[in-house]
Amino acid sequence: MKTSIFGLTALLVLAAAQAQAQAMAVDSDGSGGYSMAELAVAFPTITDENFRAADTNHNGEISMEELAAAVESGKIPS
């Protein structure tokens, strides 16, 4: 039972982080991910190091999932 509650809590936290990240960042070029320039509008203190740490699949863009995880973990300062 505790595992189920913990799992549900983790899911709710991730969903809230995704919603917060999505509300702040705008995919202005419609690529489906966020570039450093797009994230810099929503996160003015983001650095190249923050961006690289958040880009876990190393494709040069931050997906919504990567962004939510990075905001939640503090890799991208909010």
N, C-alpha and C. Protein backbone atom coordinates (compact mmCIF):
# COMPACT_ATOMS: atom_id res chain seq x y z
N MET A 1 0.82 -1.19 0.00
CA MET A 1 0.00 0.00 0.00
C MET A 1 0.87 1.27 0.00
N LYS A 2 1.94 1.26 0.83
CA LYS A 2 2.82 2.42 0.88
C LYS A 2 3.47 2.66 -0.48
N THR A 3 3.83 1.57 -1.16
CA THR A 3 4.45 1.70 -2.48
C THR A 3 3.48 2.34 -3.46
N SER A 4 2.23 1.95 -3.40
CA SER A 4 1.22 2.54 -4.29
C SER A 4 1.04 4.02 -4.03
N ILE A 5 1.01 4.39 -2.77
CA ILE A 5 0.85 5.80 -2.41
C ILE A 5 2.08 6.59 -2.85
N PHE A 6 3.27 6.04 -2.63
CA PHE A 6 4.49 6.71 -3.04
C PHE A 6 4.52 6.87 -4.56
N GLY A 7 4.15 5.84 -5.30
CA GLY A 7 4.13 5.90 -6.76
C GLY A 7 3.14 6.94 -7.27
N LEU A 8 1.99 6.98 -6.67
CA LEU A 8 0.97 7.96 -7.06
C LEU A 8 1.45 9.38 -6.75
N THR A 9 2.06 9.56 -5.61
CA THR A 9 2.59 10.87 -5.25
C THR A 9 3.66 11.31 -6.23
N ALA A 10 4.56 10.41 -6.59
CA ALA A 10 5.61 10.73 -7.56
C ALA A 10 5.01 11.11 -8.91
N LEU A 11 3.99 10.41 -9.33
CA LEU A 11 3.32 10.72 -10.60
C LEU A 11 2.68 12.11 -10.55
N LEU A 12 2.05 12.43 -9.45
CA LEU A 12 1.41 13.74 -9.31
C LEU A 12 2.44 14.86 -9.30
N VAL A 13 3.56 14.64 -8.64
CA VAL A 13 4.62 15.65 -8.61
C VAL A 13 5.17 15.86 -10.01
N LEU A 14 5.42 14.77 -10.74
CA LEU A 14 5.93 14.87 -12.11
C LEU A 14 4.93 15.60 -13.00
N ALA A 15 3.65 15.28 -12.88
CA ALA A 15 2.63 15.95 -13.69
C ALA A 15 2.57 17.44 -13.38
N ALA A 16 2.69 17.80 -12.12
CA ALA A 16 2.68 19.21 -11.74
C ALA A 16 3.91 19.93 -12.29
N ALA A 17 5.07 19.27 -12.23
CA ALA A 17 6.30 19.87 -12.76
C ALA A 17 6.20 20.05 -14.27
N GLN A 18 5.61 19.07 -14.96
CA GLN A 18 5.43 19.19 -16.41
C GLN A 18 4.51 20.36 -16.73
N ALA A 19 3.43 20.49 -16.01
CA ALA A 19 2.48 21.58 -16.26
C ALA A 19 3.14 22.93 -16.01
N GLN A 20 3.91 23.02 -14.94
CA GLN A 20 4.59 24.28 -14.63
C GLN A 20 5.62 24.60 -15.71
N ALA A 21 6.41 23.62 -16.12
CA ALA A 21 7.43 23.84 -17.14
C ALA A 21 6.80 24.21 -18.47
N GLN A 22 5.71 23.54 -18.84
CA GLN A 22 5.05 23.83 -20.10
C GLN A 22 4.45 25.24 -20.09
N ALA A 23 3.95 25.67 -18.95
CA ALA A 23 3.36 27.01 -18.87
C ALA A 23 4.42 28.09 -19.02
N MET A 24 5.65 27.79 -18.64
CA MET A 24 6.71 28.79 -18.67
C MET A 24 7.44 28.85 -20.01
N ALA A 25 7.65 27.71 -20.64
CA ALA A 25 8.45 27.66 -21.87
C ALA A 25 7.53 27.59 -23.10
N VAL A 26 7.99 28.19 -24.20
CA VAL A 26 7.23 28.20 -25.44
C VAL A 26 8.11 27.65 -26.56
N ASP A 27 7.58 26.65 -27.25
CA ASP A 27 8.27 26.07 -28.41
C ASP A 27 7.95 26.95 -29.62
N SER A 28 8.65 28.05 -29.75
CA SER A 28 8.30 29.06 -30.75
C SER A 28 8.53 28.62 -32.19
N ASP A 29 9.43 27.66 -32.41
CA ASP A 29 9.68 27.20 -33.78
C ASP A 29 8.90 25.94 -34.14
N GLY A 30 8.13 25.41 -33.19
CA GLY A 30 7.29 24.24 -33.46
C GLY A 30 8.06 22.95 -33.66
N SER A 31 9.28 22.86 -33.15
CA SER A 31 10.11 21.67 -33.36
C SER A 31 9.72 20.50 -32.47
N GLY A 32 8.92 20.76 -31.45
CA GLY A 32 8.55 19.70 -30.52
C GLY A 32 9.47 19.62 -29.31
N GLY A 33 10.48 20.46 -29.29
CA GLY A 33 11.41 20.54 -28.16
C GLY A 33 11.78 21.98 -27.93
N TYR A 34 12.61 22.20 -26.92
CA TYR A 34 13.01 23.56 -26.57
C TYR A 34 14.51 23.75 -26.80
N SER A 35 14.84 24.81 -27.50
CA SER A 35 16.24 25.18 -27.71
C SER A 35 16.70 26.01 -26.52
N MET A 36 17.99 26.25 -26.48
CA MET A 36 18.54 27.11 -25.42
C MET A 36 17.90 28.50 -25.48
N ALA A 37 17.75 29.04 -26.68
CA ALA A 37 17.15 30.38 -26.84
C ALA A 37 15.71 30.40 -26.34
N GLU A 38 14.93 29.36 -26.64
CA GLU A 38 13.54 29.31 -26.19
C GLU A 38 13.46 29.21 -24.66
N LEU A 39 14.34 28.42 -24.07
CA LEU A 39 14.32 28.28 -22.62
C LEU A 39 14.83 29.53 -21.91
N ALA A 40 15.73 30.25 -22.54
CA ALA A 40 16.28 31.46 -21.93
C ALA A 40 15.20 32.52 -21.71
N VAL A 41 14.15 32.49 -22.50
CA VAL A 41 13.03 33.43 -22.31
C VAL A 41 12.30 33.11 -21.00
N ALA A 42 12.07 31.83 -20.76
CA ALA A 42 11.33 31.42 -19.56
C ALA A 42 12.23 31.30 -18.33
N PHE A 43 13.50 30.99 -18.56
CA PHE A 43 14.46 30.79 -17.48
C PHE A 43 15.69 31.67 -17.73
N PRO A 44 15.62 32.95 -17.40
CA PRO A 44 16.70 33.89 -17.74
C PRO A 44 18.06 33.54 -17.16
N THR A 45 18.10 32.75 -16.09
CA THR A 45 19.38 32.41 -15.47
C THR A 45 19.95 31.08 -15.96
N ILE A 46 19.30 30.46 -16.95
CA ILE A 46 19.79 29.18 -17.46
C ILE A 46 21.17 29.36 -18.11
N THR A 47 22.03 28.39 -17.90
CA THR A 47 23.37 28.42 -18.50
C THR A 47 23.50 27.26 -19.48
N ASP A 48 24.56 27.30 -20.28
CA ASP A 48 24.82 26.18 -21.18
C ASP A 48 24.99 24.88 -20.40
N GLU A 49 25.60 24.98 -19.24
CA GLU A 49 25.78 23.80 -18.40
C GLU A 49 24.44 23.23 -17.94
N ASN A 50 23.51 24.12 -17.54
CA ASN A 50 22.16 23.68 -17.16
C ASN A 50 21.48 22.97 -18.33
N PHE A 51 21.61 23.57 -19.52
CA PHE A 51 20.97 23.02 -20.71
C PHE A 51 21.52 21.63 -21.01
N ARG A 52 22.84 21.49 -21.00
CA ARG A 52 23.46 20.19 -21.28
C ARG A 52 23.05 19.14 -20.25
N ALA A 53 22.95 19.53 -18.99
CA ALA A 53 22.55 18.60 -17.94
C ALA A 53 21.10 18.13 -18.13
N ALA A 54 20.26 19.02 -18.62
CA ALA A 54 18.85 18.68 -18.83
C ALA A 54 18.63 17.86 -20.09
N ASP A 55 19.49 18.01 -21.08
CA ASP A 55 19.35 17.31 -22.37
C ASP A 55 19.91 15.89 -22.23
N THR A 56 19.14 15.04 -21.57
CA THR A 56 19.64 13.70 -21.23
C THR A 56 19.82 12.78 -22.42
N ASN A 57 19.13 13.04 -23.52
CA ASN A 57 19.33 12.20 -24.71
C ASN A 57 20.31 12.84 -25.70
N HIS A 58 20.85 14.00 -25.34
CA HIS A 58 21.91 14.68 -26.10
C HIS A 58 21.55 14.95 -27.56
N ASN A 59 20.30 15.36 -27.79
CA ASN A 59 19.89 15.67 -29.17
C ASN A 59 19.88 17.16 -29.47
N GLY A 60 20.30 17.98 -28.50
CA GLY A 60 20.38 19.41 -28.72
C GLY A 60 19.11 20.18 -28.42
N GLU A 61 18.08 19.48 -28.00
CA GLU A 61 16.82 20.11 -27.59
C GLU A 61 16.36 19.47 -26.30
N ILE A 62 15.54 20.20 -25.57
CA ILE A 62 14.97 19.69 -24.32
C ILE A 62 13.51 19.33 -24.57
N SER A 63 13.16 18.07 -24.35
CA SER A 63 11.77 17.66 -24.50
C SER A 63 10.98 18.11 -23.27
N MET A 64 9.67 18.02 -23.34
CA MET A 64 8.83 18.39 -22.21
C MET A 64 9.17 17.53 -21.00
N GLU A 65 9.41 16.25 -21.23
CA GLU A 65 9.74 15.35 -20.13
C GLU A 65 11.09 15.72 -19.51
N GLU A 66 12.07 16.01 -20.36
CA GLU A 66 13.38 16.42 -19.87
C GLU A 66 13.28 17.73 -19.09
N LEU A 67 12.48 18.66 -19.59
CA LEU A 67 12.32 19.95 -18.93
C LEU A 67 11.68 19.79 -17.56
N ALA A 68 10.62 19.01 -17.50
CA ALA A 68 9.93 18.79 -16.22
C ALA A 68 10.88 18.14 -15.21
N ALA A 69 11.63 17.14 -15.65
CA ALA A 69 12.58 16.45 -14.76
C ALA A 69 13.68 17.40 -14.31
N ALA A 70 14.17 18.24 -15.23
CA ALA A 70 15.24 19.17 -14.89
C ALA A 70 14.79 20.25 -13.92
N VAL A 71 13.58 20.75 -14.10
CA VAL A 71 13.04 21.75 -13.17
C VAL A 71 12.82 21.11 -11.80
N GLU A 72 12.26 19.92 -11.79
CA GLU A 72 11.98 19.22 -10.54
C GLU A 72 13.26 18.91 -9.78
N SER A 73 14.31 18.53 -10.48
CA SER A 73 15.58 18.15 -9.83
C SER A 73 16.48 19.35 -9.54
N GLY A 74 16.13 20.51 -10.07
CA GLY A 74 16.94 21.70 -9.87
C GLY A 74 18.06 21.87 -10.89
N LYS A 75 18.10 21.02 -11.93
CA LYS A 75 19.11 21.17 -12.98
C LYS A 75 18.91 22.47 -13.76
N ILE A 76 17.65 22.90 -13.83
CA ILE A 76 17.33 24.19 -14.45
C ILE A 76 16.73 25.05 -13.34
N PRO A 77 17.38 26.18 -13.04
CA PRO A 77 16.87 27.03 -11.96
C PRO A 77 15.55 27.70 -12.36
N SER A 78 14.58 27.59 -11.50
CA SER A 78 13.28 28.19 -11.81
C SER A 78 13.10 29.53 -11.17
